[in-house]
């Protein structure tokens, strides 16, 4: 079997512009923002250094906004990432060490 790569995950949101601004504040790059019609808008955002992006928008998924309740990202240095997010004005909780890393 050849490589299988996960490249895009749909994230259902209520307010596309607010969600886009949130992810940009986190440092995600807005790769695409295309309104295909009144019913379809596609916004693709990619975290720095990631091969996988998220898609938010209108008319992209039948999932209820808020239905996706867990997304995991991996960083090299958690303390550095924590301080970077705080520096961007993102409200973050304290770092937690979990049994699985």
PDB file of N, CA and C in Angstrom:
ATOM      1  N   UNK A   1       0.842  -1.178   0.000  1.00  0.00           N
ATOM      2  CA  UNK A   1       0.000   0.000   0.000  1.00  0.00           C
ATOM      3  C   UNK A   1       0.887   1.241   0.000  1.00  0.00           C
ATOM      4  N   UNK A   2       0.505   2.204  -0.754  1.00  0.00           N
ATOM      5  CA  UNK A   2       1.219   3.475  -0.766  1.00  0.00           C
ATOM      6  C   UNK A   2       0.854   4.286   0.465  1.00  0.00           C
ATOM      7  N   UNK A   3       1.597   5.350   0.687  1.00  0.00           N
ATOM      8  CA  UNK A   3       1.323   6.222   1.832  1.00  0.00           C
ATOM      9  C   UNK A   3      -0.108   6.730   1.804  1.00  0.00           C
ATOM     10  N   UNK A   4      -0.680   6.864   2.979  1.00  0.00           N
ATOM     11  CA  UNK A   4      -1.982   7.501   3.151  1.00  0.00           C
ATOM     12  C   UNK A   4      -1.750   8.691   4.066  1.00  0.00           C
ATOM     13  N   UNK A   5      -2.102   9.866   3.594  1.00  0.00           N
ATOM     14  CA  UNK A   5      -1.831  11.077   4.364  1.00  0.00           C
ATOM     15  C   UNK A   5      -3.138  11.793   4.681  1.00  0.00           C
ATOM     16  N   UNK A   6      -3.305  12.100   5.952  1.00  0.00           N
ATOM     17  CA  UNK A   6      -4.450  12.906   6.367  1.00  0.00           C
ATOM     18  C   UNK A   6      -4.095  14.358   6.103  1.00  0.00           C
ATOM     19  N   UNK A   7      -4.878  15.042   5.291  1.00  0.00           N
ATOM     20  CA  UNK A   7      -4.530  16.401   4.905  1.00  0.00           C
ATOM     21  C   UNK A   7      -5.555  17.454   5.304  1.00  0.00           C
ATOM     22  N   UNK A   8      -6.808  17.061   5.556  1.00  0.00           N
ATOM     23  CA  UNK A   8      -7.833  18.058   5.837  1.00  0.00           C
ATOM     24  C   UNK A   8      -8.900  17.472   6.752  1.00  0.00           C
ATOM     25  N   UNK A   9      -9.215  18.206   7.820  1.00  0.00           N
ATOM     26  CA  UNK A   9     -10.248  17.791   8.762  1.00  0.00           C
ATOM     27  C   UNK A   9     -11.283  18.909   8.845  1.00  0.00           C
ATOM     28  N   UNK A  10     -12.545  18.579   8.620  1.00  0.00           N
ATOM     29  CA  UNK A  10     -13.620  19.567   8.725  1.00  0.00           C
ATOM     30  C   UNK A  10     -13.948  19.823  10.185  1.00  0.00           C
ATOM     31  N   UNK A  11     -14.041  21.084  10.539  1.00  0.00           N
ATOM     32  CA  UNK A  11     -14.379  21.499  11.896  1.00  0.00           C
ATOM     33  C   UNK A  11     -15.660  22.333  11.807  1.00  0.00           C
ATOM     34  N   UNK A  12     -16.774  21.815  12.316  1.00  0.00           N
ATOM     35  CA  UNK A  12     -18.030  22.562  12.222  1.00  0.00           C
ATOM     36  C   UNK A  12     -18.048  23.750  13.179  1.00  0.00           C
ATOM     37  N   UNK A  13     -18.409  24.916  12.664  1.00  0.00           N
ATOM     38  CA  UNK A  13     -18.451  26.132  13.478  1.00  0.00           C
ATOM     39  C   UNK A  13     -19.757  26.879  13.231  1.00  0.00           C
ATOM     40  N   UNK A  14     -20.120  27.719  14.179  1.00  0.00           N
ATOM     41  CA  UNK A  14     -21.324  28.538  14.052  1.00  0.00           C
ATOM     42  C   UNK A  14     -21.033  29.830  13.296  1.00  0.00           C
ATOM     43  N   UNK A  15     -19.934  30.477  13.631  1.00  0.00           N
ATOM     44  CA  UNK A  15     -19.575  31.770  13.051  1.00  0.00           C
ATOM     45  C   UNK A  15     -18.216  31.635  12.350  1.00  0.00           C
ATOM     46  N   UNK A  16     -18.246  31.584  11.030  1.00  0.00           N
ATOM     47  CA  UNK A  16     -17.036  31.337  10.246  1.00  0.00           C
ATOM     48  C   UNK A  16     -15.993  32.429  10.470  1.00  0.00           C
ATOM     49  N   UNK A  17     -16.387  33.678  10.432  1.00  0.00           N
ATOM     50  CA  UNK A  17     -15.426  34.772  10.596  1.00  0.00           C
ATOM     51  C   UNK A  17     -14.790  34.774  11.983  1.00  0.00           C
ATOM     52  N   UNK A  18     -15.594  34.517  12.995  1.00  0.00           N
ATOM     53  CA  UNK A  18     -15.063  34.467  14.364  1.00  0.00           C
ATOM     54  C   UNK A  18     -14.096  33.291  14.523  1.00  0.00           C
ATOM     55  N   UNK A  19     -14.459  32.136  13.976  1.00  0.00           N
ATOM     56  CA  UNK A  19     -13.588  30.954  14.055  1.00  0.00           C
ATOM     57  C   UNK A  19     -12.293  31.191  13.276  1.00  0.00           C
ATOM     58  N   UNK A  20     -12.393  31.797  12.116  1.00  0.00           N
ATOM     59  CA  UNK A  20     -11.189  32.091  11.324  1.00  0.00           C
ATOM     60  C   UNK A  20     -10.257  33.015  12.101  1.00  0.00           C
ATOM     61  N   UNK A  21     -10.809  34.049  12.696  1.00  0.00           N
ATOM     62  CA  UNK A  21      -9.994  34.990  13.477  1.00  0.00           C
ATOM     63  C   UNK A  21      -9.339  34.281  14.667  1.00  0.00           C
ATOM     64  N   UNK A  22     -10.065  33.363  15.302  1.00  0.00           N
ATOM     65  CA  UNK A  22      -9.523  32.607  16.427  1.00  0.00           C
ATOM     66  C   UNK A  22      -8.323  31.770  15.989  1.00  0.00           C
ATOM     67  N   UNK A  23      -8.480  31.005  14.922  1.00  0.00           N
ATOM     68  CA  UNK A  23      -7.376  30.152  14.466  1.00  0.00           C
ATOM     69  C   UNK A  23      -6.192  30.972  13.963  1.00  0.00           C
ATOM     70  N   UNK A  24      -6.462  32.110  13.353  1.00  0.00           N
ATOM     71  CA  UNK A  24      -5.354  32.984  12.939  1.00  0.00           C
ATOM     72  C   UNK A  24      -4.620  33.519  14.161  1.00  0.00           C
ATOM     73  N   UNK A  25      -5.364  33.817  15.224  1.00  0.00           N
ATOM     74  CA  UNK A  25      -4.741  34.277  16.469  1.00  0.00           C
ATOM     75  C   UNK A  25      -3.838  33.205  17.055  1.00  0.00           C
ATOM     76  N   UNK A  26      -4.205  31.927  16.840  1.00  0.00           N
ATOM     77  CA  UNK A  26      -3.379  30.815  17.293  1.00  0.00           C
ATOM     78  C   UNK A  26      -2.121  30.645  16.441  1.00  0.00           C
ATOM     79  N   UNK A  27      -2.085  31.311  15.295  1.00  0.00           N
ATOM     80  CA  UNK A  27      -0.925  31.208  14.412  1.00  0.00           C
ATOM     81  C   UNK A  27      -1.175  30.391  13.157  1.00  0.00           C
ATOM     82  N   UNK A  28      -2.394  29.896  12.975  1.00  0.00           N
ATOM     83  CA  UNK A  28      -2.723  29.148  11.766  1.00  0.00           C
ATOM     84  C   UNK A  28      -2.688  30.088  10.567  1.00  0.00           C
ATOM     85  N   UNK A  29      -2.259  29.584   9.421  1.00  0.00           N
ATOM     86  CA  UNK A  29      -2.254  30.365   8.190  1.00  0.00           C
ATOM     87  C   UNK A  29      -3.562  30.129   7.437  1.00  0.00           C
ATOM     88  N   UNK A  30      -4.198  31.212   7.007  1.00  0.00           N
ATOM     89  CA  UNK A  30      -5.409  31.089   6.192  1.00  0.00           C
ATOM     90  C   UNK A  30      -4.985  30.853   4.744  1.00  0.00           C
ATOM     91  N   UNK A  31      -5.076  29.601   4.303  1.00  0.00           N
ATOM     92  CA  UNK A  31      -4.643  29.226   2.955  1.00  0.00           C
ATOM     93  C   UNK A  31      -5.671  29.591   1.899  1.00  0.00           C
ATOM     94  N   UNK A  32      -6.935  29.398   2.222  1.00  0.00           N
ATOM     95  CA  UNK A  32      -8.021  29.672   1.272  1.00  0.00           C
ATOM     96  C   UNK A  32      -9.207  30.233   2.038  1.00  0.00           C
ATOM     97  N   UNK A  33      -9.922  31.120   1.394  1.00  0.00           N
ATOM     98  CA  UNK A  33     -11.202  31.612   1.897  1.00  0.00           C
ATOM     99  C   UNK A  33     -12.034  31.952   0.671  1.00  0.00           C
ATOM    100  N   UNK A  34     -12.859  30.996   0.271  1.00  0.00           N
ATOM    101  CA  UNK A  34     -13.602  31.125  -0.977  1.00  0.00           C
ATOM    102  C   UNK A  34     -15.093  30.936  -0.721  1.00  0.00           C
ATOM    103  N   UNK A  35     -15.877  31.929  -1.125  1.00  0.00           N
ATOM    104  CA  UNK A  35     -17.332  31.804  -1.086  1.00  0.00           C
ATOM    105  C   UNK A  35     -17.760  31.307  -2.463  1.00  0.00           C
ATOM    106  N   UNK A  36     -18.170  30.055  -2.520  1.00  0.00           N
ATOM    107  CA  UNK A  36     -18.574  29.443  -3.781  1.00  0.00           C
ATOM    108  C   UNK A  36     -19.967  29.926  -4.173  1.00  0.00           C
ATOM    109  N   UNK A  37     -20.814  30.069  -3.162  1.00  0.00           N
ATOM    110  CA  UNK A  37     -22.181  30.552  -3.354  1.00  0.00           C
ATOM    111  C   UNK A  37     -22.672  31.086  -2.020  1.00  0.00           C
ATOM    112  N   UNK A  38     -23.932  31.476  -1.951  1.00  0.00           N
ATOM    113  CA  UNK A  38     -24.493  31.929  -0.666  1.00  0.00           C
ATOM    114  C   UNK A  38     -24.524  30.798   0.350  1.00  0.00           C
ATOM    115  N   UNK A  39     -24.551  29.562  -0.137  1.00  0.00           N
ATOM    116  CA  UNK A  39     -24.678  28.402   0.741  1.00  0.00           C
ATOM    117  C   UNK A  39     -23.362  27.697   1.035  1.00  0.00           C
ATOM    118  N   UNK A  40     -22.299  28.037   0.314  1.00  0.00           N
ATOM    119  CA  UNK A  40     -21.029  27.334   0.495  1.00  0.00           C
ATOM    120  C   UNK A  40     -19.873  28.332   0.604  1.00  0.00           C
ATOM    121  N   UNK A  41     -19.135  28.222   1.700  1.00  0.00           N
ATOM    122  CA  UNK A  41     -17.908  28.989   1.901  1.00  0.00           C
ATOM    123  C   UNK A  41     -16.865  28.034   2.461  1.00  0.00           C
ATOM    124  N   UNK A  42     -15.703  28.028   1.856  1.00  0.00           N
ATOM    125  CA  UNK A  42     -14.627  27.120   2.232  1.00  0.00           C
ATOM    126  C   UNK A  42     -13.441  27.923   2.740  1.00  0.00           C
ATOM    127  N   UNK A  43     -13.062  27.680   4.000  1.00  0.00           N
ATOM    128  CA  UNK A  43     -11.894  28.328   4.596  1.00  0.00           C
ATOM    129  C   UNK A  43     -10.958  27.217   5.056  1.00  0.00           C
ATOM    130  N   UNK A  44      -9.739  27.226   4.537  1.00  0.00           N
ATOM    131  CA  UNK A  44      -8.735  26.238   4.928  1.00  0.00           C
ATOM    132  C   UNK A  44      -7.649  26.937   5.727  1.00  0.00           C
ATOM    133  N   UNK A  45      -7.341  26.392   6.903  1.00  0.00           N
ATOM    134  CA  UNK A  45      -6.325  26.956   7.789  1.00  0.00           C
ATOM    135  C   UNK A  45      -5.332  25.866   8.161  1.00  0.00           C
ATOM    136  N   UNK A  46      -4.039  26.226   8.162  1.00  0.00           N
ATOM    137  CA  UNK A  46      -2.990  25.254   8.456  1.00  0.00           C
ATOM    138  C   UNK A  46      -2.103  25.754   9.584  1.00  0.00           C
ATOM    139  N   UNK A  47      -1.886  24.916  10.607  1.00  0.00           N
ATOM    140  CA  UNK A  47      -0.953  25.294  11.672  1.00  0.00           C
ATOM    141  C   UNK A  47       0.471  25.354  11.110  1.00  0.00           C
ATOM    142  N   UNK A  48       1.329  26.202  11.680  1.00  0.00           N
ATOM    143  CA  UNK A  48       2.705  26.293  11.197  1.00  0.00           C
ATOM    144  C   UNK A  48       3.413  24.938  11.267  1.00  0.00           C
ATOM    145  N   UNK A  49       4.035  24.533  10.164  1.00  0.00           N
ATOM    146  CA  UNK A  49       4.794  23.295  10.124  1.00  0.00           C
ATOM    147  C   UNK A  49       3.966  22.039   9.935  1.00  0.00           C
ATOM    148  N   UNK A  50       2.652  22.166   9.789  1.00  0.00           N
ATOM    149  CA  UNK A  50       1.786  20.995   9.688  1.00  0.00           C
ATOM    150  C   UNK A  50       1.501  20.633   8.234  1.00  0.00           C
ATOM    151  N   UNK A  51       1.368  19.336   7.978  1.00  0.00           N
ATOM    152  CA  UNK A  51       0.955  18.858   6.663  1.00  0.00           C
ATOM    153  C   UNK A  51      -0.562  18.686   6.606  1.00  0.00           C
ATOM    154  N   UNK A  52      -1.233  18.830   7.746  1.00  0.00           N
ATOM    155  CA  UNK A  52      -2.679  18.666   7.823  1.00  0.00           C
ATOM    156  C   UNK A  52      -3.319  20.016   8.141  1.00  0.00           C
ATOM    157  N   UNK A  53      -4.406  20.305   7.470  1.00  0.00           N
ATOM    158  CA  UNK A  53      -5.137  21.553   7.664  1.00  0.00           C
ATOM    159  C   UNK A  53      -6.520  21.259   8.231  1.00  0.00           C
ATOM    160  N   UNK A  54      -7.199  22.330   8.649  1.00  0.00           N
ATOM    161  CA  UNK A  54      -8.609  22.224   9.018  1.00  0.00           C
ATOM    162  C   UNK A  54      -9.418  23.020   8.006  1.00  0.00           C
ATOM    163  N   UNK A  55     -10.661  22.637   7.844  1.00  0.00           N
ATOM    164  CA  UNK A  55     -11.586  23.362   6.979  1.00  0.00           C
ATOM    165  C   UNK A  55     -12.761  23.808   7.821  1.00  0.00           C
ATOM    166  N   UNK A  56     -13.036  25.092   7.780  1.00  0.00           N
ATOM    167  CA  UNK A  56     -14.237  25.628   8.416  1.00  0.00           C
ATOM    168  C   UNK A  56     -15.017  26.329   7.315  1.00  0.00           C
ATOM    169  N   UNK A  57     -16.258  26.585   7.557  1.00  0.00           N
ATOM    170  CA  UNK A  57     -17.027  27.286   6.542  1.00  0.00           C
ATOM    171  C   UNK A  57     -18.501  27.044   6.670  1.00  0.00           C
ATOM    172  N   UNK A  58     -19.143  27.208   5.556  1.00  0.00           N
ATOM    173  CA  UNK A  58     -20.593  27.060   5.478  1.00  0.00           C
ATOM    174  C   UNK A  58     -20.883  26.021   4.399  1.00  0.00           C
ATOM    175  N   UNK A  59     -21.721  25.049   4.735  1.00  0.00           N
ATOM    176  CA  UNK A  59     -22.102  24.040   3.754  1.00  0.00           C
ATOM    177  C   UNK A  59     -21.047  22.975   3.515  1.00  0.00           C
ATOM    178  N   UNK A  60     -20.102  22.805   4.453  1.00  0.00           N
ATOM    179  CA  UNK A  60     -19.026  21.832   4.265  1.00  0.00           C
ATOM    180  C   UNK A  60     -19.284  20.498   4.944  1.00  0.00           C
ATOM    181  N   UNK A  61     -20.043  20.511   6.019  1.00  0.00           N
ATOM    182  CA  UNK A  61     -20.266  19.290   6.777  1.00  0.00           C
ATOM    183  C   UNK A  61     -21.662  19.324   7.390  1.00  0.00           C
ATOM    184  N   UNK A  62     -22.168  18.141   7.674  1.00  0.00           N
ATOM    185  CA  UNK A  62     -23.468  18.054   8.344  1.00  0.00           C
ATOM    186  C   UNK A  62     -23.306  17.947   9.854  1.00  0.00           C
ATOM    187  N   UNK A  63     -22.058  17.927  10.345  1.00  0.00           N
ATOM    188  CA  UNK A  63     -21.838  17.884  11.792  1.00  0.00           C
ATOM    189  C   UNK A  63     -22.367  19.161  12.432  1.00  0.00           C
ATOM    190  N   UNK A  64     -22.888  19.022  13.618  1.00  0.00           N
ATOM    191  CA  UNK A  64     -23.371  20.166  14.381  1.00  0.00           C
ATOM    192  C   UNK A  64     -22.179  20.962  14.909  1.00  0.00           C
ATOM    193  N   UNK A  65     -22.223  22.297  14.804  1.00  0.00           N
ATOM    194  CA  UNK A  65     -21.134  23.092  15.390  1.00  0.00           C
ATOM    195  C   UNK A  65     -20.921  22.703  16.849  1.00  0.00           C
ATOM    196  N   UNK A  66     -19.679  22.491  17.210  1.00  0.00           N
ATOM    197  CA  UNK A  66     -19.338  22.069  18.559  1.00  0.00           C
ATOM    198  C   UNK A  66     -19.272  20.554  18.706  1.00  0.00           C
ATOM    199  N   UNK A  67     -19.683  19.808  17.672  1.00  0.00           N
ATOM    200  CA  UNK A  67     -19.687  18.346  17.754  1.00  0.00           C
ATOM    201  C   UNK A  67     -18.270  17.774  17.835  1.00  0.00           C
ATOM    202  N   UNK A  68     -17.323  18.425  17.203  1.00  0.00           N
ATOM    203  CA  UNK A  68     -15.932  17.985  17.280  1.00  0.00           C
ATOM    204  C   UNK A  68     -15.362  18.581  18.553  1.00  0.00           C
ATOM    205  N   UNK A  69     -15.172  17.733  19.563  1.00  0.00           N
ATOM    206  CA  UNK A  69     -14.792  18.268  20.868  1.00  0.00           C
ATOM    207  C   UNK A  69     -13.353  17.964  21.254  1.00  0.00           C
ATOM    208  N   UNK A  70     -12.560  17.469  20.313  1.00  0.00           N
ATOM    209  CA  UNK A  70     -11.178  17.150  20.644  1.00  0.00           C
ATOM    210  C   UNK A  70     -10.324  17.213  19.384  1.00  0.00           C
ATOM    211  N   UNK A  71      -9.316  18.024  19.430  1.00  0.00           N
ATOM    212  CA  UNK A  71      -8.345  18.096  18.346  1.00  0.00           C
ATOM    213  C   UNK A  71      -6.980  18.165  19.018  1.00  0.00           C
ATOM    214  N   UNK A  72      -6.080  17.303  18.620  1.00  0.00           N
ATOM    215  CA  UNK A  72      -4.772  17.259  19.263  1.00  0.00           C
ATOM    216  C   UNK A  72      -3.712  17.790  18.309  1.00  0.00           C
ATOM    217  N   UNK A  73      -2.901  18.682  18.814  1.00  0.00           N
ATOM    218  CA  UNK A  73      -1.749  19.175  18.062  1.00  0.00           C
ATOM    219  C   UNK A  73      -0.497  18.824  18.854  1.00  0.00           C
ATOM    220  N   UNK A  74       0.618  18.704  18.164  1.00  0.00           N
ATOM    221  CA  UNK A  74       1.869  18.314  18.793  1.00  0.00           C
ATOM    222  C   UNK A  74       2.873  19.442  18.615  1.00  0.00           C
ATOM    223  N   UNK A  75       3.563  19.784  19.698  1.00  0.00           N
ATOM    224  CA  UNK A  75       4.596  20.826  19.653  1.00  0.00           C
ATOM    225  C   UNK A  75       5.894  20.247  20.208  1.00  0.00           C
ATOM    226  N   UNK A  76       7.006  20.842  19.840  1.00  0.00           N
ATOM    227  CA  UNK A  76       8.309  20.389  20.308  1.00  0.00           C
ATOM    228  C   UNK A  76       8.555  20.794  21.751  1.00  0.00           C
ATOM    229  N   UNK A  77       8.135  22.022  22.094  1.00  0.00           N
ATOM    230  CA  UNK A  77       8.403  22.571  23.425  1.00  0.00           C
ATOM    231  C   UNK A  77       7.115  23.176  23.967  1.00  0.00           C
ATOM    232  N   UNK A  78       6.479  22.497  24.899  1.00  0.00           N
ATOM    233  CA  UNK A  78       5.181  22.935  25.414  1.00  0.00           C
ATOM    234  C   UNK A  78       5.258  24.273  26.134  1.00  0.00           C
ATOM    235  N   UNK A  79       6.341  24.502  26.872  1.00  0.00           N
ATOM    236  CA  UNK A  79       6.472  25.783  27.572  1.00  0.00           C
ATOM    237  C   UNK A  79       6.586  26.941  26.579  1.00  0.00           C
ATOM    238  N   UNK A  80       7.352  26.728  25.513  1.00  0.00           N
ATOM    239  CA  UNK A  80       7.496  27.760  24.484  1.00  0.00           C
ATOM    240  C   UNK A  80       6.160  28.018  23.787  1.00  0.00           C
ATOM    241  N   UNK A  81       5.445  26.948  23.458  1.00  0.00           N
ATOM    242  CA  UNK A  81       4.135  27.091  22.814  1.00  0.00           C
ATOM    243  C   UNK A  81       3.151  27.811  23.736  1.00  0.00           C
ATOM    244  N   UNK A  82       3.188  27.473  25.002  1.00  0.00           N
ATOM    245  CA  UNK A  82       2.314  28.104  25.995  1.00  0.00           C
ATOM    246  C   UNK A  82       2.566  29.608  26.048  1.00  0.00           C
ATOM    247  N   UNK A  83       3.832  29.983  26.135  1.00  0.00           N
ATOM    248  CA  UNK A  83       4.175  31.411  26.196  1.00  0.00           C
ATOM    249  C   UNK A  83       3.845  32.126  24.894  1.00  0.00           C
ATOM    250  N   UNK A  84       4.028  31.451  23.771  1.00  0.00           N
ATOM    251  CA  UNK A  84       3.678  32.043  22.481  1.00  0.00           C
ATOM    252  C   UNK A  84       2.186  32.354  22.416  1.00  0.00           C
ATOM    253  N   UNK A  85       1.364  31.399  22.833  1.00  0.00           N
ATOM    254  CA  UNK A  85      -0.085  31.615  22.817  1.00  0.00           C
ATOM    255  C   UNK A  85      -0.482  32.749  23.760  1.00  0.00           C
ATOM    256  N   UNK A  86       0.090  32.755  24.943  1.00  0.00           N
ATOM    257  CA  UNK A  86      -0.202  33.851  25.885  1.00  0.00           C
ATOM    258  C   UNK A  86       0.204  35.194  25.285  1.00  0.00           C
ATOM    259  N   UNK A  87       1.348  35.223  24.605  1.00  0.00           N
ATOM    260  CA  UNK A  87       1.816  36.446  23.963  1.00  0.00           C
ATOM    261  C   UNK A  87       0.894  36.922  22.851  1.00  0.00           C
ATOM    262  N   UNK A  88       0.146  36.001  22.266  1.00  0.00           N
ATOM    263  CA  UNK A  88      -0.818  36.352  21.212  1.00  0.00           C
ATOM    264  C   UNK A  88      -2.161  36.782  21.805  1.00  0.00           C
ATOM    265  N   UNK A  89      -2.256  36.730  23.142  1.00  0.00           N
ATOM    266  CA  UNK A  89      -3.504  37.104  23.791  1.00  0.00           C
ATOM    267  C   UNK A  89      -4.518  35.982  23.881  1.00  0.00           C
ATOM    268  N   UNK A  90      -4.064  34.748  23.689  1.00  0.00           N
ATOM    269  CA  UNK A  90      -4.960  33.597  23.775  1.00  0.00           C
ATOM    270  C   UNK A  90      -5.091  33.188  25.234  1.00  0.00           C
ATOM    271  N   UNK A  91      -6.333  32.995  25.678  1.00  0.00           N
ATOM    272  CA  UNK A  91      -6.565  32.530  27.046  1.00  0.00           C
ATOM    273  C   UNK A  91      -6.277  31.035  27.092  1.00  0.00           C
ATOM    274  N   UNK A  92      -5.283  30.639  27.858  1.00  0.00           N
ATOM    275  CA  UNK A  92      -4.886  29.231  27.947  1.00  0.00           C
ATOM    276  C   UNK A  92      -4.926  28.762  29.393  1.00  0.00           C
ATOM    277  N   UNK A  93      -5.194  27.486  29.576  1.00  0.00           N
ATOM    278  CA  UNK A  93      -5.156  26.900  30.909  1.00  0.00           C
ATOM    279  C   UNK A  93      -3.724  26.480  31.215  1.00  0.00           C
ATOM    280  N   UNK A  94      -3.475  26.115  32.442  1.00  0.00           N
ATOM    281  CA  UNK A  94      -2.144  25.671  32.835  1.00  0.00           C
ATOM    282  C   UNK A  94      -1.784  24.378  32.086  1.00  0.00           C
ATOM    283  N   UNK A  95      -0.507  24.163  31.900  1.00  0.00           N
ATOM    284  CA  UNK A  95      -0.012  22.955  31.247  1.00  0.00           C
ATOM    285  C   UNK A  95      -0.300  21.752  32.146  1.00  0.00           C
ATOM    286  N   UNK A  96      -0.809  20.668  31.548  1.00  0.00           N
ATOM    287  CA  UNK A  96      -1.094  19.449  32.291  1.00  0.00           C
ATOM    288  C   UNK A  96      -0.226  18.321  31.742  1.00  0.00           C
ATOM    289  N   UNK A  97       0.438  17.591  32.623  1.00  0.00           N
ATOM    290  CA  UNK A  97       1.168  16.390  32.230  1.00  0.00           C
ATOM    291  C   UNK A  97       0.210  15.210  32.356  1.00  0.00           C
ATOM    292  N   UNK A  98      -0.044  14.534  31.231  1.00  0.00           N
ATOM    293  CA  UNK A  98      -0.952  13.400  31.222  1.00  0.00           C
ATOM    294  C   UNK A  98      -0.149  12.110  31.093  1.00  0.00           C
ATOM    295  N   UNK A  99      -0.709  10.988  31.541  1.00  0.00           N
ATOM    296  CA  UNK A  99       0.045   9.729  31.542  1.00  0.00           C
ATOM    297  C   UNK A  99       0.561   9.308  30.162  1.00  0.00           C
ATOM    298  N   UNK A 100      -0.128   9.687  29.096  1.00  0.00           N
ATOM    299  CA  UNK A 100       0.288   9.275  27.752  1.00  0.00           C
ATOM    300  C   UNK A 100       1.222  10.285  27.088  1.00  0.00           C
ATOM    301  N   UNK A 101       1.564  11.355  27.768  1.00  0.00           N
ATOM    302  CA  UNK A 101       2.532  12.313  27.227  1.00  0.00           C
ATOM    303  C   UNK A 101       1.909  13.618  26.830  1.00  0.00           C
TER     304      UNK A 101
END
